[in-house]
Amino acid sequence: MRKIATARVCIARTGMLVKGIACVLGVTLVAAGAARAQGVDLRIATGQFGYGFARIAGLGSVPDQVARGFNARLDVHIVSLMLRNLPVRTYDALFGDVTYGSLASDTLHGLFSGDVQPRHGLSYLYGYQFLAGVERGGVAVLGGLGWQEFYHDIGGSTMSGTSTPLIARVEIGGRRAIVVTGWKSVSGAATVGARVDVPFFRRLNLTAMYWQSDGMADLWSRGANDPLSPAKARMLVVGVRSAEIR
């Protein structure tokens, strides 16, 4: 019964995520239409495709639960485009990041004979961030706050959490800039992370992102009366990302 409930929660969360992405796309299309009517640059959204490696670690005698699969991300930049004419640099992003693939670690033993651990892997991260700063001589330094929520479902073992991170962002170069972003939570789940974007070809960047967050994991093999396990959720993504407007 617990596995059925876990599956239902996973389906419900996936449905909410799909609806959220659809909402973001809708807002993007409406904003892009308004921008086109006013002759504004239409790079209101940036996309990313790559490969992700998700992990639930720190489980004591239980081996790490690992999944890997294809990653897609969408960032929508509305407020910062509206504020482009201010004397300070701004950056904002309403984002959704999804990795879907398969279990890459050894399977766990079930509670009952014949139990078989699922082979799927689903991870997502979504939220919003706003930063402001200065730019001098082709170098921009920005800082701000954000809000984000993550969810891991690796072979039926799940982990989730929310946090409010303090974010720093450095851009080095002109329109084709190297961008380094780092964040650390100031409330919520203890979270740290970083992302690096390096110009590659025209408006495409090579990108790499890593983050980890502390929390409690609900293992697939956990009994109904067993406690949740302290754990760390980790995520590594490498891929290609479209460059933001500057």
Protein backbone atom coordinates (compact mmCIF):
# COMPACT_ATOMS: atom_id res chain seq x y z
CA MET A 1 0.00 0.00 0.00
CA ARG A 2 2.86 2.40 0.83
CA LYS A 3 4.40 1.82 -2.62
CA ILE A 4 1.05 2.59 -4.25
CA ALA A 5 0.79 5.78 -2.21
CA THR A 6 4.36 6.73 -3.19
CA ALA A 7 3.55 6.16 -6.86
CA ARG A 8 0.45 8.32 -6.55
CA VAL A 9 2.49 11.11 -4.95
CA CYS A 10 5.03 10.87 -7.78
CA ILE A 11 2.28 11.04 -10.41
CA ALA A 12 0.67 14.00 -8.63
CA ARG A 13 3.98 15.89 -8.36
CA THR A 14 4.76 15.18 -12.02
CA GLY A 15 1.32 16.47 -12.99
CA MET A 16 1.88 19.65 -10.98
CA LEU A 17 5.27 20.11 -12.63
CA VAL A 18 3.80 19.70 -16.13
CA LYS A 19 1.09 22.24 -15.29
CA GLY A 20 3.73 24.63 -13.94
CA ILE A 21 5.83 24.34 -17.10
CA ALA A 22 2.71 24.90 -19.22
CA CYS A 23 1.95 28.02 -17.16
CA VAL A 24 5.49 29.33 -17.63
CA LEU A 25 5.27 28.70 -21.38
CA GLY A 26 1.95 30.52 -21.49
CA VAL A 27 3.35 33.54 -19.67
CA THR A 28 6.37 33.48 -21.99
CA LEU A 29 4.22 33.48 -25.13
CA VAL A 30 2.04 36.33 -23.85
CA ALA A 31 5.07 38.40 -22.81
CA ALA A 32 6.84 37.64 -26.10
CA GLY A 33 3.78 38.81 -28.02
CA ALA A 34 3.69 42.07 -26.08
CA ALA A 35 7.43 42.52 -26.56
CA ARG A 36 7.16 41.92 -30.32
CA ALA A 37 4.43 44.56 -30.55
CA GLN A 38 6.75 47.09 -28.88
CA GLY A 39 9.85 46.12 -30.86
CA VAL A 40 11.67 44.70 -27.81
CA ASP A 41 14.37 42.01 -28.09
CA LEU A 42 12.57 38.66 -27.87
CA ARG A 43 15.21 36.74 -25.95
CA ILE A 44 12.82 36.63 -23.03
CA ALA A 45 13.54 32.95 -22.36
CA THR A 46 16.62 30.75 -22.34
CA GLY A 47 16.65 26.99 -22.74
CA GLN A 48 18.98 24.17 -21.83
CA PHE A 49 19.38 20.55 -22.88
CA GLY A 50 21.85 18.11 -21.41
CA TYR A 51 22.43 15.06 -19.27
CA GLY A 52 21.83 14.86 -15.53
CA PHE A 53 23.08 12.68 -12.69
CA ALA A 54 20.87 12.60 -9.57
CA ARG A 55 21.84 11.02 -6.26
CA ILE A 56 20.39 10.43 -2.79
CA ALA A 57 23.47 9.92 -0.61
CA GLY A 58 24.48 9.63 3.03
CA LEU A 59 22.13 6.73 3.77
CA GLY A 60 24.47 4.83 6.10
CA SER A 61 24.49 1.11 5.32
CA VAL A 62 22.09 1.61 2.40
CA PRO A 63 23.92 2.25 -0.90
CA ASP A 64 23.47 5.61 -2.61
CA GLN A 65 20.46 5.78 -4.89
CA VAL A 66 21.60 7.06 -8.28
CA ALA A 67 19.77 7.92 -11.49
CA ARG A 68 20.83 9.47 -14.76
CA GLY A 69 18.96 10.74 -17.77
CA PHE A 70 18.19 13.60 -20.13
CA ASN A 71 17.81 17.10 -18.73
CA ALA A 72 15.81 20.09 -19.93
CA ARG A 73 15.52 23.54 -18.42
CA LEU A 74 13.61 26.73 -19.18
CA ASP A 75 14.37 30.17 -17.69
CA VAL A 76 12.03 33.10 -18.27
CA HIS A 77 13.46 36.62 -17.78
CA ILE A 78 10.65 39.17 -17.66
CA VAL A 79 11.37 41.68 -14.88
CA SER A 80 15.03 42.21 -15.80
CA LEU A 81 14.13 42.89 -19.44
CA MET A 82 11.64 45.52 -18.28
CA LEU A 83 14.38 47.13 -16.16
CA ARG A 84 17.11 47.16 -18.82
CA ASN A 85 17.29 50.95 -18.94
CA LEU A 86 18.08 51.36 -15.23
CA PRO A 87 21.60 52.51 -14.24
CA VAL A 88 22.12 49.20 -12.40
CA ARG A 89 22.33 45.72 -13.87
CA THR A 90 19.51 43.33 -13.02
CA TYR A 91 18.86 39.65 -13.65
CA ASP A 92 15.84 37.52 -12.86
CA ALA A 93 14.68 34.03 -13.77
CA LEU A 94 11.52 32.03 -13.29
CA PHE A 95 12.89 28.55 -13.94
CA GLY A 96 12.03 24.89 -14.17
CA ASP A 97 14.69 22.16 -14.46
CA VAL A 98 13.75 18.51 -15.12
CA THR A 99 15.83 15.34 -15.46
CA TYR A 100 14.16 12.06 -16.41
CA GLY A 101 15.94 8.75 -16.84
CA SER A 102 16.59 5.43 -15.17
CA LEU A 103 18.10 3.92 -12.03
CA ALA A 104 21.88 3.55 -12.27
CA SER A 105 22.64 2.07 -8.82
CA ASP A 106 22.21 -1.44 -7.44
CA THR A 107 18.61 -2.30 -6.65
CA LEU A 108 17.45 -2.47 -3.03
CA HIS A 109 15.92 -5.54 -1.41
CA GLY A 110 12.18 -5.20 -0.92
CA LEU A 111 10.25 -5.85 2.25
CA PHE A 112 8.57 -8.90 0.78
CA SER A 113 9.62 -11.72 -1.49
CA GLY A 114 8.97 -10.75 -5.08
CA ASP A 115 9.23 -6.98 -4.51
CA VAL A 116 11.10 -5.39 -7.41
CA GLN A 117 12.44 -1.86 -7.15
CA PRO A 118 11.23 0.51 -9.91
CA ARG A 119 13.84 1.54 -12.47
CA HIS A 120 12.74 5.11 -13.11
CA GLY A 121 14.50 8.34 -12.11
CA LEU A 122 12.80 11.74 -11.94
CA SER A 123 14.31 14.92 -10.54
CA TYR A 124 13.25 18.51 -10.78
CA LEU A 125 14.13 21.93 -9.47
CA TYR A 126 12.02 25.04 -9.91
CA GLY A 127 11.85 28.52 -8.44
CA TYR A 128 12.50 32.22 -8.95
CA GLN A 129 15.47 34.53 -8.37
CA PHE A 130 16.14 38.25 -8.67
CA LEU A 131 19.59 39.85 -8.63
CA ALA A 132 20.95 43.38 -9.00
CA GLY A 133 24.46 44.77 -9.24
CA VAL A 134 26.94 46.83 -11.22
CA GLU A 135 28.93 46.45 -14.43
CA ARG A 136 32.30 48.03 -15.08
CA GLY A 137 34.77 47.33 -17.87
CA GLY A 138 32.97 44.27 -19.17
CA VAL A 139 32.68 42.65 -15.73
CA ALA A 140 29.36 42.51 -13.89
CA VAL A 141 28.84 41.48 -10.27
CA LEU A 142 25.30 40.83 -9.06
CA GLY A 143 23.72 39.52 -5.88
CA GLY A 144 20.24 38.73 -4.65
CA LEU A 145 17.80 36.20 -3.26
CA GLY A 146 15.69 33.40 -4.63
CA TRP A 147 13.24 30.68 -3.71
CA GLN A 148 13.42 27.11 -4.98
CA GLU A 149 12.04 23.62 -4.46
CA PHE A 150 13.59 20.30 -5.45
CA TYR A 151 12.29 16.76 -5.74
CA HIS A 152 14.11 13.47 -6.32
CA ASP A 153 12.38 10.17 -7.10
CA ILE A 154 15.06 7.57 -7.71
CA GLY A 155 13.75 4.05 -8.03
CA GLY A 156 10.86 4.84 -5.68
CA SER A 157 13.11 6.46 -3.05
CA THR A 158 12.05 10.08 -2.69
CA MET A 159 13.40 13.29 -1.21
CA SER A 160 12.22 16.89 -1.43
CA GLY A 161 12.80 20.29 0.12
CA THR A 162 12.53 24.05 -0.29
CA SER A 163 15.05 26.78 0.42
CA THR A 164 15.70 30.51 0.12
CA PRO A 165 19.21 30.92 -1.28
CA LEU A 166 21.52 33.92 -1.26
CA ILE A 167 22.88 34.14 -4.82
CA ALA A 168 26.03 35.68 -6.33
CA ARG A 169 26.61 35.99 -10.07
CA VAL A 170 29.72 37.17 -11.96
CA GLU A 171 29.77 37.86 -15.72
CA ILE A 172 33.14 38.27 -17.45
CA GLY A 173 33.26 39.54 -21.04
CA GLY A 174 31.00 41.35 -23.48
CA ARG A 175 27.86 39.91 -25.01
CA ARG A 176 29.52 36.46 -25.06
CA ALA A 177 30.38 36.35 -21.38
CA ILE A 178 31.62 33.64 -19.08
CA VAL A 179 29.05 33.44 -16.27
CA VAL A 180 29.67 31.95 -12.82
CA THR A 181 26.77 31.66 -10.37
CA GLY A 182 26.85 30.35 -6.81
CA TRP A 183 24.18 30.03 -4.13
CA LYS A 184 23.81 29.05 -0.48
CA SER A 185 20.55 28.84 1.44
CA VAL A 186 19.81 31.27 4.25
CA SER A 187 16.60 29.50 5.27
CA GLY A 188 14.89 26.18 4.59
CA ALA A 189 16.85 23.10 3.56
CA ALA A 190 20.64 23.49 3.79
CA THR A 191 21.53 23.93 0.11
CA VAL A 192 24.65 24.94 -1.82
CA GLY A 193 25.23 25.00 -5.55
CA ALA A 194 27.03 26.54 -8.51
CA ARG A 195 26.73 26.85 -12.27
CA VAL A 196 29.27 27.82 -14.94
CA ASP A 197 28.38 28.93 -18.49
CA VAL A 198 31.12 29.24 -21.12
CA PRO A 199 30.55 30.61 -24.67
CA PHE A 200 30.62 27.82 -27.25
CA PHE A 201 29.04 28.65 -30.61
CA ARG A 202 27.10 31.77 -31.53
CA ARG A 203 24.39 32.11 -28.83
CA LEU A 204 25.09 28.69 -27.31
CA ASN A 205 27.02 28.11 -24.07
CA LEU A 206 28.47 25.00 -22.57
CA THR A 207 27.01 24.70 -19.07
CA ALA A 208 27.65 22.68 -15.93
CA MET A 209 25.62 22.83 -12.71
CA TYR A 210 25.99 21.10 -9.37
CA TRP A 211 23.93 21.44 -6.19
CA GLN A 212 23.28 19.49 -3.02
CA SER A 213 20.68 19.80 -0.28
CA ASP A 214 20.20 18.17 3.13
CA GLY A 215 16.91 16.59 4.10
CA MET A 216 15.04 13.39 4.90
CA ALA A 217 14.70 10.55 2.40
CA ASP A 218 11.82 8.10 2.12
CA LEU A 219 13.53 4.91 0.92
CA TRP A 220 11.68 2.51 -1.36
CA SER A 221 12.62 -0.32 1.03
CA ARG A 222 11.38 1.51 4.15
CA GLY A 223 8.76 -0.22 6.26
CA ALA A 224 5.50 1.58 7.00
CA ASN A 225 6.55 2.24 10.62
CA ASP A 226 10.23 2.93 9.96
CA PRO A 227 11.51 6.52 10.28
CA LEU A 228 12.73 8.58 7.36
CA SER A 229 16.49 8.60 6.74
CA PRO A 230 18.73 11.70 6.95
CA ALA A 231 20.30 12.13 3.52
CA LYS A 232 21.77 14.49 0.94
CA ALA A 233 20.18 15.12 -2.44
CA ARG A 234 22.76 15.83 -5.13
CA MET A 235 22.49 16.83 -8.77
CA LEU A 236 25.04 17.28 -11.55
CA VAL A 237 24.01 18.53 -15.00
CA VAL A 238 26.16 19.14 -18.08
CA GLY A 239 24.81 20.37 -21.38
CA VAL A 240 24.25 23.21 -23.84
CA ARG A 241 22.43 26.40 -22.86
CA SER A 242 21.29 29.42 -24.86
CA ALA A 243 22.90 32.70 -23.83
CA GLU A 244 20.89 35.33 -21.98
CA ILE A 245 20.41 38.83 -23.29
CA ARG A 246 22.84 41.41 -21.86
